[in-house]
Amino acid sequence: MPKSKRLMELMMTVNRKRRFKVQELADEFGVSKRTILRDLQELSELGVPLYSEVGPHGGYQVVRERVLPPIAFTEEEAVAMFFAVHALRHYSSLPFEAESASALSKFYLHMPGDVRDRIDGMKHRVDFVTPTRRGDAPCLSVLLDAAVKQRVLLIEYESKDEEESRRRIQPVCLYAHNGFWYCNAYCFLREGFRVFRCDRIRRAEPDADAKPLDLGDVRLSRRFAAEPREPVRLRAELSRAGVQRCEGELWLAPLLRVREDGSGLIDGGVPRGELPFFAEFFIGLGSEARLIEPAELKTEIRRRLAEMLERYA
């Protein structure tokens, strides 16, 4: 086997085994222990994080931060990968912020010069625009780790009314929308699923005393929402333009019905305590929406419009 191919296969083997002895590798590759030792030294110089342990039960081990084997990308794939990571720069916080910046730098520097020139030209021609938000979300990595490992967290959360509370949650998934990060989680305080704005989570730490729920069947692609407290039925007719504006609001997806002609209907239960929010929302839709019910929401909209008329009289 040529040396270059052996080194490539050796890199994949040690990443897979994580812990191994030199003699095992020598037998597997059909070479001497001396040859394997030289190969391991070369892999170490290339950046594969290896360390040795002495003693009768010793051997070699790959540290936790493994180096993946090289992957051959076409030029188009490389450009697509670069801009996929490059688009994340609009977010002030990421669950893997340092790693994404490091990966992008490595990716760019190891490309051929003509491909870098092409990327430099495309930077001024294409972008994935996301609103830049001022608030940081310092707990993203903790939330993501808890979602993957199904762990319970004790968090300090600041509501939109700037009231702080401590509660236990079990994160299920994270998603970014309109410049903000959100965490879908089971809230032990409310005994149901809730959505938390990640920039309002001031602190999050594992709660070793809490027993996690089995939420392995809940996925990001599966829609689930909290049952509204004090529910009230919301119905509104939407024009085609109104539908297009509402389609950009993820929280409206379970309530939105779109007809074949492009018009639509909002129909479903919402929390009574959220009616002031819906009043502002429907005022923003203007003539593209016609509210049918509830009556108290119509009253709230009229009250707010009267205040606006008085302000600009």
C-alpha atoms as a PDB file:
ATOM      1  CA  MET A   1       0.000   0.000   0.000  1.00  0.00           C
ATOM      2  CA  PRO A   2       1.449   3.418  -0.927  1.00  0.00           C
ATOM      3  CA  LYS A   3       2.446   5.502   2.067  1.00  0.00           C
ATOM      4  CA  SER A   4       0.049   8.354   1.253  1.00  0.00           C
ATOM      5  CA  LYS A   5      -2.930   5.966   1.135  1.00  0.00           C
ATOM      6  CA  ARG A   6      -1.766   4.247   4.336  1.00  0.00           C
ATOM      7  CA  LEU A   7      -1.573   7.571   6.174  1.00  0.00           C
ATOM      8  CA  MET A   8      -5.062   8.490   5.018  1.00  0.00           C
ATOM      9  CA  GLU A   9      -6.530   5.177   6.152  1.00  0.00           C
ATOM     10  CA  LEU A  10      -4.527   5.340   9.386  1.00  0.00           C
ATOM     11  CA  MET A  11      -6.014   8.763  10.159  1.00  0.00           C
ATOM     12  CA  MET A  12      -9.539   7.415   9.700  1.00  0.00           C
ATOM     13  CA  THR A  13      -8.722   4.323  11.754  1.00  0.00           C
ATOM     14  CA  VAL A  14      -7.377   6.177  14.794  1.00  0.00           C
ATOM     15  CA  ASN A  15     -10.342   8.572  14.693  1.00  0.00           C
ATOM     16  CA  ARG A  16     -12.660   5.582  14.733  1.00  0.00           C
ATOM     17  CA  LYS A  17     -10.822   3.604  17.438  1.00  0.00           C
ATOM     18  CA  ARG A  18      -9.964   6.567  19.682  1.00  0.00           C
ATOM     19  CA  ARG A  19      -7.798   4.192  21.796  1.00  0.00           C
ATOM     20  CA  PHE A  20      -5.356   1.670  20.338  1.00  0.00           C
ATOM     21  CA  LYS A  21      -1.977  -0.075  20.636  1.00  0.00           C
ATOM     22  CA  VAL A  22       0.810   0.146  18.084  1.00  0.00           C
ATOM     23  CA  GLN A  23       0.902  -3.616  17.576  1.00  0.00           C
ATOM     24  CA  GLU A  24      -2.835  -3.631  16.735  1.00  0.00           C
ATOM     25  CA  LEU A  25      -2.281  -1.120  13.966  1.00  0.00           C
ATOM     26  CA  ALA A  26       0.830  -2.902  12.715  1.00  0.00           C
ATOM     27  CA  ASP A  27      -1.142  -6.154  12.403  1.00  0.00           C
ATOM     28  CA  GLU A  28      -4.084  -4.422  10.745  1.00  0.00           C
ATOM     29  CA  PHE A  29      -1.951  -2.641   8.129  1.00  0.00           C
ATOM     30  CA  GLY A  30       0.574  -5.435   7.680  1.00  0.00           C
ATOM     31  CA  VAL A  31       3.657  -3.338   8.512  1.00  0.00           C
ATOM     32  CA  SER A  32       6.199  -3.241  11.317  1.00  0.00           C
ATOM     33  CA  LYS A  33       5.733  -1.443  14.637  1.00  0.00           C
ATOM     34  CA  ARG A  34       8.579   0.883  13.638  1.00  0.00           C
ATOM     35  CA  THR A  35       6.701   1.896  10.494  1.00  0.00           C
ATOM     36  CA  ILE A  36       3.480   2.545  12.443  1.00  0.00           C
ATOM     37  CA  LEU A  37       5.376   4.661  14.982  1.00  0.00           C
ATOM     38  CA  ARG A  38       6.818   6.781  12.154  1.00  0.00           C
ATOM     39  CA  ASP A  39       3.340   7.124  10.625  1.00  0.00           C
ATOM     40  CA  LEU A  40       1.850   8.175  13.962  1.00  0.00           C
ATOM     41  CA  GLN A  41       4.567  10.782  14.338  1.00  0.00           C
ATOM     42  CA  GLU A  42       3.689  12.188  10.917  1.00  0.00           C
ATOM     43  CA  LEU A  43      -0.011  12.278  11.797  1.00  0.00           C
ATOM     44  CA  SER A  44       0.824  14.127  15.003  1.00  0.00           C
ATOM     45  CA  GLU A  45       2.831  16.702  13.032  1.00  0.00           C
ATOM     46  CA  LEU A  46      -0.159  17.116  10.685  1.00  0.00           C
ATOM     47  CA  GLY A  47      -2.357  18.043  13.655  1.00  0.00           C
ATOM     48  CA  VAL A  48      -3.991  14.766  14.731  1.00  0.00           C
ATOM     49  CA  PRO A  49      -4.174  15.144  18.549  1.00  0.00           C
ATOM     50  CA  LEU A  50      -2.535  11.952  19.861  1.00  0.00           C
ATOM     51  CA  TYR A  51      -1.005  11.216  23.221  1.00  0.00           C
ATOM     52  CA  SER A  52       0.605   8.060  24.612  1.00  0.00           C
ATOM     53  CA  GLU A  53       0.159   6.249  27.913  1.00  0.00           C
ATOM     54  CA  VAL A  54       2.948   4.119  29.372  1.00  0.00           C
ATOM     55  CA  GLY A  55       2.585   0.890  31.323  1.00  0.00           C
ATOM     56  CA  PRO A  56       1.248  -2.618  30.653  1.00  0.00           C
ATOM     57  CA  HIS A  57      -2.200  -1.264  29.766  1.00  0.00           C
ATOM     58  CA  GLY A  58      -0.923   1.784  27.946  1.00  0.00           C
ATOM     59  CA  GLY A  59      -1.101   2.703  24.304  1.00  0.00           C
ATOM     60  CA  TYR A  60      -2.161   5.645  22.202  1.00  0.00           C
ATOM     61  CA  GLN A  61      -5.325   7.694  22.493  1.00  0.00           C
ATOM     62  CA  VAL A  62      -6.980  10.433  20.465  1.00  0.00           C
ATOM     63  CA  VAL A  63      -7.978  13.395  22.619  1.00  0.00           C
ATOM     64  CA  ARG A  64     -11.575  14.554  22.640  1.00  0.00           C
ATOM     65  CA  GLU A  65     -11.126  17.207  19.938  1.00  0.00           C
ATOM     66  CA  ARG A  66     -10.658  14.841  17.034  1.00  0.00           C
ATOM     67  CA  VAL A  67      -9.386  15.912  13.618  1.00  0.00           C
ATOM     68  CA  LEU A  68     -11.570  14.641  10.806  1.00  0.00           C
ATOM     69  CA  PRO A  69      -9.962  13.088   7.733  1.00  0.00           C
ATOM     70  CA  PRO A  70      -9.603  15.280   4.629  1.00  0.00           C
ATOM     71  CA  ILE A  71     -12.661  15.556   2.397  1.00  0.00           C
ATOM     72  CA  ALA A  72     -12.412  16.337  -1.302  1.00  0.00           C
ATOM     73  CA  PHE A  73     -14.768  19.175  -2.328  1.00  0.00           C
ATOM     74  CA  THR A  74     -15.495  20.365  -5.838  1.00  0.00           C
ATOM     75  CA  GLU A  75     -15.034  24.097  -6.426  1.00  0.00           C
ATOM     76  CA  GLU A  76     -18.806  24.676  -6.366  1.00  0.00           C
ATOM     77  CA  GLU A  77     -19.186  22.702  -3.124  1.00  0.00           C
ATOM     78  CA  ALA A  78     -16.341  24.651  -1.511  1.00  0.00           C
ATOM     79  CA  VAL A  79     -17.900  28.011  -2.446  1.00  0.00           C
ATOM     80  CA  ALA A  80     -21.306  26.864  -1.144  1.00  0.00           C
ATOM     81  CA  MET A  81     -19.786  25.697   2.161  1.00  0.00           C
ATOM     82  CA  PHE A  82     -17.902  28.974   2.589  1.00  0.00           C
ATOM     83  CA  PHE A  83     -20.964  31.168   2.149  1.00  0.00           C
ATOM     84  CA  ALA A  84     -23.109  28.913   4.354  1.00  0.00           C
ATOM     85  CA  VAL A  85     -20.749  29.630   7.257  1.00  0.00           C
ATOM     86  CA  HIS A  86     -20.053  33.217   6.163  1.00  0.00           C
ATOM     87  CA  ALA A  87     -23.780  34.037   6.475  1.00  0.00           C
ATOM     88  CA  LEU A  88     -23.670  33.311  10.214  1.00  0.00           C
ATOM     89  CA  ARG A  89     -21.627  36.472  10.848  1.00  0.00           C
ATOM     90  CA  HIS A  90     -24.871  38.473  11.117  1.00  0.00           C
ATOM     91  CA  TYR A  91     -25.661  36.770  14.421  1.00  0.00           C
ATOM     92  CA  SER A  92     -24.109  38.373  17.493  1.00  0.00           C
ATOM     93  CA  SER A  93     -24.169  34.977  19.243  1.00  0.00           C
ATOM     94  CA  LEU A  94     -23.724  31.408  18.002  1.00  0.00           C
ATOM     95  CA  PRO A  95     -23.653  28.093  19.876  1.00  0.00           C
ATOM     96  CA  PHE A  96     -20.320  27.394  18.137  1.00  0.00           C
ATOM     97  CA  GLU A  97     -19.023  30.913  17.552  1.00  0.00           C
ATOM     98  CA  ALA A  98     -15.268  30.398  17.877  1.00  0.00           C
ATOM     99  CA  GLU A  99     -15.364  27.092  16.011  1.00  0.00           C
ATOM    100  CA  SER A 100     -17.248  28.501  13.019  1.00  0.00           C
ATOM    101  CA  ALA A 101     -14.802  31.412  12.706  1.00  0.00           C
ATOM    102  CA  SER A 102     -11.846  29.030  12.917  1.00  0.00           C
ATOM    103  CA  ALA A 103     -13.361  26.638  10.372  1.00  0.00           C
ATOM    104  CA  LEU A 104     -14.081  29.474   7.936  1.00  0.00           C
ATOM    105  CA  SER A 105     -10.514  30.760   8.233  1.00  0.00           C
ATOM    106  CA  LYS A 106      -9.038  27.296   7.589  1.00  0.00           C
ATOM    107  CA  PHE A 107     -11.410  26.682   4.716  1.00  0.00           C
ATOM    108  CA  TYR A 108     -10.514  29.968   3.023  1.00  0.00           C
ATOM    109  CA  LEU A 109      -6.743  29.819   3.534  1.00  0.00           C
ATOM    110  CA  HIS A 110      -6.390  26.296   2.125  1.00  0.00           C
ATOM    111  CA  MET A 111      -8.284  27.034  -1.089  1.00  0.00           C
ATOM    112  CA  PRO A 112      -6.429  27.613  -4.361  1.00  0.00           C
ATOM    113  CA  GLY A 113      -5.768  31.259  -5.180  1.00  0.00           C
ATOM    114  CA  ASP A 114      -8.245  31.403  -8.053  1.00  0.00           C
ATOM    115  CA  VAL A 115     -11.035  30.027  -5.839  1.00  0.00           C
ATOM    116  CA  ARG A 116     -10.234  32.643  -3.160  1.00  0.00           C
ATOM    117  CA  ASP A 117     -10.402  35.330  -5.837  1.00  0.00           C
ATOM    118  CA  ARG A 118     -13.810  34.052  -6.891  1.00  0.00           C
ATOM    119  CA  ILE A 119     -15.063  34.104  -3.296  1.00  0.00           C
ATOM    120  CA  ASP A 120     -13.708  37.620  -2.762  1.00  0.00           C
ATOM    121  CA  GLY A 121     -15.675  38.785  -5.781  1.00  0.00           C
ATOM    122  CA  MET A 122     -18.860  37.024  -4.664  1.00  0.00           C
ATOM    123  CA  LYS A 123     -18.733  38.602  -1.187  1.00  0.00           C
ATOM    124  CA  HIS A 124     -19.932  41.854  -2.742  1.00  0.00           C
ATOM    125  CA  ARG A 125     -22.602  40.163  -4.876  1.00  0.00           C
ATOM    126  CA  VAL A 126     -24.453  37.741  -2.599  1.00  0.00           C
ATOM    127  CA  ASP A 127     -25.453  37.657   1.052  1.00  0.00           C
ATOM    128  CA  PHE A 128     -28.002  36.063   3.403  1.00  0.00           C
ATOM    129  CA  VAL A 129     -29.286  39.102   5.250  1.00  0.00           C
ATOM    130  CA  THR A 130     -30.407  38.704   8.862  1.00  0.00           C
ATOM    131  CA  PRO A 131     -31.306  41.590  11.174  1.00  0.00           C
ATOM    132  CA  THR A 132     -28.432  42.375  13.525  1.00  0.00           C
ATOM    133  CA  ARG A 133     -29.626  42.264  17.134  1.00  0.00           C
ATOM    134  CA  ARG A 134     -27.889  44.030  19.997  1.00  0.00           C
ATOM    135  CA  GLY A 135     -28.633  41.445  22.675  1.00  0.00           C
ATOM    136  CA  ASP A 136     -26.176  38.582  23.178  1.00  0.00           C
ATOM    137  CA  ALA A 137     -27.256  35.034  23.990  1.00  0.00           C
ATOM    138  CA  PRO A 138     -24.390  33.755  26.158  1.00  0.00           C
ATOM    139  CA  CYS A 139     -25.990  30.394  27.023  1.00  0.00           C
ATOM    140  CA  LEU A 140     -26.457  29.000  23.500  1.00  0.00           C
ATOM    141  CA  SER A 141     -23.791  26.290  23.786  1.00  0.00           C
ATOM    142  CA  VAL A 142     -25.161  25.140  27.168  1.00  0.00           C
ATOM    143  CA  LEU A 143     -28.715  24.999  25.772  1.00  0.00           C
ATOM    144  CA  LEU A 144     -27.631  23.061  22.681  1.00  0.00           C
ATOM    145  CA  ASP A 145     -25.608  20.570  24.730  1.00  0.00           C
ATOM    146  CA  ALA A 146     -28.595  19.988  27.031  1.00  0.00           C
ATOM    147  CA  ALA A 147     -30.918  19.494  24.043  1.00  0.00           C
ATOM    148  CA  VAL A 148     -28.612  16.894  22.501  1.00  0.00           C
ATOM    149  CA  LYS A 149     -27.961  15.025  25.774  1.00  0.00           C
ATOM    150  CA  GLN A 150     -31.524  15.468  27.150  1.00  0.00           C
ATOM    151  CA  ARG A 151     -30.507  17.208  30.353  1.00  0.00           C
ATOM    152  CA  VAL A 152     -32.434  19.507  32.666  1.00  0.00           C
ATOM    153  CA  LEU A 153     -31.176  23.052  33.185  1.00  0.00           C
ATOM    154  CA  LEU A 154     -31.827  25.579  35.909  1.00  0.00           C
ATOM    155  CA  ILE A 155     -32.122  28.969  34.204  1.00  0.00           C
ATOM    156  CA  GLU A 156     -32.570  32.607  35.115  1.00  0.00           C
ATOM    157  CA  TYR A 157     -35.024  34.073  32.616  1.00  0.00           C
ATOM    158  CA  GLU A 158     -36.033  37.666  32.017  1.00  0.00           C
ATOM    159  CA  SER A 159     -39.510  38.029  30.559  1.00  0.00           C
ATOM    160  CA  LYS A 160     -40.550  40.772  28.144  1.00  0.00           C
ATOM    161  CA  ASP A 161     -41.855  42.670  31.195  1.00  0.00           C
ATOM    162  CA  GLU A 162     -38.266  42.614  32.556  1.00  0.00           C
ATOM    163  CA  GLU A 163     -39.289  40.340  35.413  1.00  0.00           C
ATOM    164  CA  GLU A 164     -36.677  37.722  36.278  1.00  0.00           C
ATOM    165  CA  SER A 165     -37.595  34.178  37.257  1.00  0.00           C
ATOM    166  CA  ARG A 166     -35.789  30.940  38.015  1.00  0.00           C
ATOM    167  CA  ARG A 167     -37.133  27.754  36.532  1.00  0.00           C
ATOM    168  CA  ARG A 168     -36.161  24.291  35.354  1.00  0.00           C
ATOM    169  CA  ILE A 169     -36.373  23.503  31.671  1.00  0.00           C
ATOM    170  CA  GLN A 170     -35.358  20.629  29.424  1.00  0.00           C
ATOM    171  CA  PRO A 171     -34.292  22.044  26.041  1.00  0.00           C
ATOM    172  CA  VAL A 172     -35.504  20.215  22.960  1.00  0.00           C
ATOM    173  CA  CYS A 173     -34.150  22.303  20.094  1.00  0.00           C
ATOM    174  CA  LEU A 174     -32.737  25.692  19.107  1.00  0.00           C
ATOM    175  CA  TYR A 175     -33.606  27.741  16.050  1.00  0.00           C
ATOM    176  CA  ALA A 176     -32.790  31.198  14.727  1.00  0.00           C
ATOM    177  CA  HIS A 177     -35.468  33.490  13.300  1.00  0.00           C
ATOM    178  CA  ASN A 178     -35.359  37.134  12.304  1.00  0.00           C
ATOM    179  CA  GLY A 179     -32.029  37.670  14.054  1.00  0.00           C
ATOM    180  CA  PHE A 180     -33.055  36.078  17.372  1.00  0.00           C
ATOM    181  CA  TRP A 181     -32.311  32.640  18.809  1.00  0.00           C
ATOM    182  CA  TYR A 182     -35.180  30.663  20.340  1.00  0.00           C
ATOM    183  CA  CYS A 183     -35.199  27.550  22.511  1.00  0.00           C
ATOM    184  CA  ASN A 184     -38.107  25.118  22.474  1.00  0.00           C
ATOM    185  CA  ALA A 185     -38.109  23.421  25.871  1.00  0.00           C
ATOM    186  CA  TYR A 186     -40.264  21.610  28.372  1.00  0.00           C
ATOM    187  CA  CYS A 187     -40.884  23.945  31.300  1.00  0.00           C
ATOM    188  CA  PHE A 188     -41.289  22.124  34.612  1.00  0.00           C
ATOM    189  CA  LEU A 189     -42.831  25.248  36.158  1.00  0.00           C
ATOM    190  CA  ARG A 190     -45.633  25.471  33.565  1.00  0.00           C
ATOM    191  CA  GLU A 191     -45.731  21.690  33.006  1.00  0.00           C
ATOM    192  CA  GLY A 192     -45.685  22.024  29.245  1.00  0.00           C
ATOM    193  CA  PHE A 193     -43.658  23.056  26.227  1.00  0.00           C
ATOM    194  CA  ARG A 194     -42.669  26.700  25.986  1.00  0.00           C
ATOM    195  CA  VAL A 195     -40.551  28.836  23.653  1.00  0.00           C
ATOM    196  CA  PHE A 196     -37.834  30.954  25.287  1.00  0.00           C
ATOM    197  CA  ARG A 197     -35.931  33.840  23.732  1.00  0.00           C
ATOM    198  CA  CYS A 198     -32.311  32.827  24.247  1.00  0.00           C
ATOM    199  CA  ASP A 199     -31.054  36.389  24.744  1.00  0.00           C
ATOM    200  CA  ARG A 200     -33.379  36.616  27.778  1.00  0.00           C
ATOM    201  CA  ILE A 201     -31.787  33.568  29.403  1.00  0.00           C
ATOM    202  CA  ARG A 202     -29.214  35.247  31.642  1.00  0.00           C
ATOM    203  CA  ARG A 203     -27.823  32.078  33.177  1.00  0.00           C
ATOM    204  CA  ALA A 204     -28.142  28.338  32.588  1.00  0.00           C
ATOM    205  CA  GLU A 205     -26.515  25.471  34.436  1.00  0.00           C
ATOM    206  CA  PRO A 206     -27.152  21.710  34.605  1.00  0.00           C
ATOM    207  CA  ASP A 207     -29.443  20.528  37.401  1.00  0.00           C
ATOM    208  CA  ALA A 208     -28.058  17.165  38.482  1.00  0.00           C
ATOM    209  CA  ASP A 209     -30.916  16.554  40.935  1.00  0.00           C
ATOM    210  CA  ALA A 210     -33.702  16.826  38.352  1.00  0.00           C
ATOM    211  CA  LYS A 211     -34.866  13.749  36.458  1.00  0.00           C
ATOM    212  CA  PRO A 212     -35.041  14.422  32.692  1.00  0.00           C
ATOM    213  CA  LEU A 213     -38.037  13.422  30.595  1.00  0.00           C
ATOM    214  CA  ASP A 214     -37.786  11.099  27.634  1.00  0.00           C
ATOM    215  CA  LEU A 215     -38.115  13.603  24.785  1.00  0.00           C
ATOM    216  CA  GLY A 216     -36.090  11.660  22.244  1.00  0.00           C
ATOM    217  CA  ASP A 217     -39.016  11.502  19.805  1.00  0.00           C
ATOM    218  CA  VAL A 218     -39.419  15.293  19.701  1.00  0.00           C
ATOM    219  CA  ARG A 219     -37.526  16.846  16.797  1.00  0.00           C
ATOM    220  CA  LEU A 220     -36.998  20.309  15.374  1.00  0.00           C
ATOM    221  CA  SER A 221     -38.947  19.322  12.249  1.00  0.00           C
ATOM    222  CA  ARG A 222     -41.960  18.320  14.362  1.00  0.00           C
ATOM    223  CA  ARG A 223     -44.160  21.254  15.294  1.00  0.00           C
ATOM    224  CA  PHE A 224     -45.252  21.384  18.879  1.00  0.00           C
ATOM    225  CA  ALA A 225     -46.580  24.295  20.859  1.00  0.00           C
ATOM    226  CA  ALA A 226     -47.752  25.082  24.324  1.00  0.00           C
ATOM    227  CA  GLU A 227     -51.441  24.872  25.072  1.00  0.00           C
ATOM    228  CA  PRO A 228     -52.566  28.496  25.464  1.00  0.00           C
ATOM    229  CA  ARG A 229     -53.474  29.610  28.975  1.00  0.00           C
ATOM    230  CA  GLU A 230     -56.991  31.056  29.198  1.00  0.00           C
ATOM    231  CA  PRO A 231     -57.506  30.374  25.487  1.00  0.00           C
ATOM    232  CA  VAL A 232     -59.651  32.598  23.317  1.00  0.00           C
ATOM    233  CA  ARG A 233     -60.511  31.919  19.682  1.00  0.00           C
ATOM    234  CA  LEU A 234     -58.818  34.174  17.143  1.00  0.00           C
ATOM    235  CA  ARG A 235     -60.210  34.420  13.602  1.00  0.00           C
ATOM    236  CA  ALA A 236     -59.215  36.843  10.877  1.00  0.00           C
ATOM    237  CA  GLU A 237     -59.456  37.023   7.086  1.00  0.00           C
ATOM    238  CA  LEU A 238     -56.240  37.790   5.201  1.00  0.00           C
ATOM    239  CA  SER A 239     -55.593  39.161   1.740  1.00  0.00           C
ATOM    240  CA  ARG A 240     -52.814  37.652  -0.391  1.00  0.00           C
ATOM    241  CA  ALA A 241     -50.435  40.339   0.832  1.00  0.00           C
ATOM    242  CA  GLY A 242     -51.553  39.658   4.401  1.00  0.00           C
ATOM    243  CA  VAL A 243     -50.795  35.951   3.986  1.00  0.00           C
ATOM    244  CA  GLN A 244     -47.307  36.728   2.690  1.00  0.00           C
ATOM    245  CA  ARG A 245     -46.588  38.872   5.736  1.00  0.00           C
ATOM    246  CA  CYS A 246     -47.986  36.281   8.154  1.00  0.00           C
ATOM    247  CA  GLU A 247     -46.018  33.453   6.569  1.00  0.00           C
ATOM    248  CA  GLY A 248     -42.865  35.107   7.875  1.00  0.00           C
ATOM    249  CA  GLU A 249     -44.044  34.664  11.481  1.00  0.00           C
ATOM    250  CA  LEU A 250     -43.196  31.166  12.735  1.00  0.00           C
ATOM    251  CA  TRP A 251     -45.538  31.420  15.721  1.00  0.00           C
ATOM    252  CA  LEU A 252     -48.498  31.881  13.358  1.00  0.00           C
ATOM    253  CA  ALA A 253     -47.873  28.673  11.384  1.00  0.00           C
ATOM    254  CA  PRO A 254     -50.284  26.465  13.406  1.00  0.00           C
ATOM    255  CA  LEU A 255     -53.092  29.027  12.973  1.00  0.00           C
ATOM    256  CA  LEU A 256     -52.620  29.980   9.329  1.00  0.00           C
ATOM    257  CA  ARG A 257     -54.734  28.484   6.533  1.00  0.00           C
ATOM    258  CA  VAL A 258     -53.915  29.465   2.950  1.00  0.00           C
ATOM    259  CA  ARG A 259     -56.475  29.149   0.143  1.00  0.00           C
ATOM    260  CA  GLU A 260     -55.768  28.292  -3.489  1.00  0.00           C
ATOM    261  CA  ASP A 261     -56.155  31.943  -4.579  1.00  0.00           C
ATOM    262  CA  GLY A 262     -53.451  33.031  -2.093  1.00  0.00           C
ATOM    263  CA  SER A 263     -55.758  34.584   0.473  1.00  0.00           C
ATOM    264  CA  GLY A 264     -55.995  33.034   3.907  1.00  0.00           C
ATOM    265  CA  LEU A 265     -57.496  32.672   7.342  1.00  0.00           C
ATOM    266  CA  ILE A 266     -56.095  32.820  10.857  1.00  0.00           C
ATOM    267  CA  ASP A 267     -58.088  30.487  13.076  1.00  0.00           C
ATOM    268  CA  GLY A 268     -57.132  28.991  16.438  1.00  0.00           C
ATOM    269  CA  GLY A 269     -56.795  29.422  20.152  1.00  0.00           C
ATOM    270  CA  VAL A 270     -54.431  32.005  21.634  1.00  0.00           C
ATOM    271  CA  PRO A 271     -53.746  33.062  25.246  1.00  0.00           C
ATOM    272  CA  ARG A 272     -56.074  35.799  26.451  1.00  0.00           C
ATOM    273  CA  GLY A 273     -53.112  37.513  28.085  1.00  0.00           C
ATOM    274  CA  GLU A 274     -51.496  37.957  24.658  1.00  0.00           C
ATOM    275  CA  LEU A 275     -54.320  40.065  23.196  1.00  0.00           C
ATOM    276  CA  PRO A 276     -52.363  43.345  23.574  1.00  0.00           C
ATOM    277  CA  PHE A 277     -49.622  41.809  21.409  1.00  0.00           C
ATOM    278  CA  PHE A 278     -52.153  40.724  18.768  1.00  0.00           C
ATOM    279  CA  ALA A 279     -53.658  44.213  18.773  1.00  0.00           C
ATOM    280  CA  GLU A 280     -50.300  45.685  17.745  1.00  0.00           C
ATOM    281  CA  PHE A 281     -49.814  42.916  15.206  1.00  0.00           C
ATOM    282  CA  PHE A 282     -53.155  43.474  13.445  1.00  0.00           C
ATOM    283  CA  ILE A 283     -52.703  47.248  13.455  1.00  0.00           C
ATOM    284  CA  GLY A 284     -49.450  46.609  11.590  1.00  0.00           C
ATOM    285  CA  LEU A 285     -51.266  44.497   8.991  1.00  0.00           C
ATOM    286  CA  GLY A 286     -53.604  47.417   8.234  1.00  0.00           C
ATOM    287  CA  SER A 287     -56.142  46.752   5.497  1.00  0.00           C
ATOM    288  CA  GLU A 288     -54.564  43.386   4.621  1.00  0.00           C
ATOM    289  CA  ALA A 289     -56.454  41.752   7.526  1.00  0.00           C
ATOM    290  CA  ARG A 290     -60.058  41.792   8.757  1.00  0.00           C
ATOM    291  CA  LEU A 291     -60.516  40.620  12.321  1.00  0.00           C
ATOM    292  CA  ILE A 292     -63.622  38.489  12.924  1.00  0.00           C
ATOM    293  CA  GLU A 293     -63.203  37.596  16.605  1.00  0.00           C
ATOM    294  CA  PRO A 294     -62.722  37.938  19.549  1.00  0.00           C
ATOM    295  CA  ALA A 295     -64.700  41.068  20.346  1.00  0.00           C
ATOM    296  CA  GLU A 296     -62.316  42.160  23.125  1.00  0.00           C
ATOM    297  CA  LEU A 297     -59.434  42.241  20.618  1.00  0.00           C
ATOM    298  CA  LYS A 298     -61.478  44.537  18.359  1.00  0.00           C
ATOM    299  CA  THR A 299     -62.065  46.800  21.368  1.00  0.00           C
ATOM    300  CA  GLU A 300     -58.350  46.861  22.160  1.00  0.00           C
ATOM    301  CA  ILE A 301     -57.479  47.734  18.545  1.00  0.00           C
ATOM    302  CA  ARG A 302     -59.994  50.613  18.521  1.00  0.00           C
ATOM    303  CA  ARG A 303     -58.568  51.902  21.801  1.00  0.00           C
ATOM    304  CA  ARG A 304     -55.021  51.901  20.491  1.00  0.00           C
ATOM    305  CA  LEU A 305     -56.008  53.545  17.208  1.00  0.00           C
ATOM    306  CA  ALA A 306     -57.853  56.275  19.137  1.00  0.00           C
ATOM    307  CA  GLU A 307     -54.697  56.917  21.164  1.00  0.00           C
ATOM    308  CA  MET A 308     -52.672  57.188  17.955  1.00  0.00           C
ATOM    309  CA  LEU A 309     -55.174  59.595  16.402  1.00  0.00           C
ATOM    310  CA  GLU A 310     -55.042  61.754  19.499  1.00  0.00           C
ATOM    311  CA  ARG A 311     -51.242  61.731  19.457  1.00  0.00           C
ATOM    312  CA  TYR A 312     -51.103  62.917  15.844  1.00  0.00           C
ATOM    313  CA  ALA A 313     -54.084  65.287  15.975  1.00  0.00           C
END
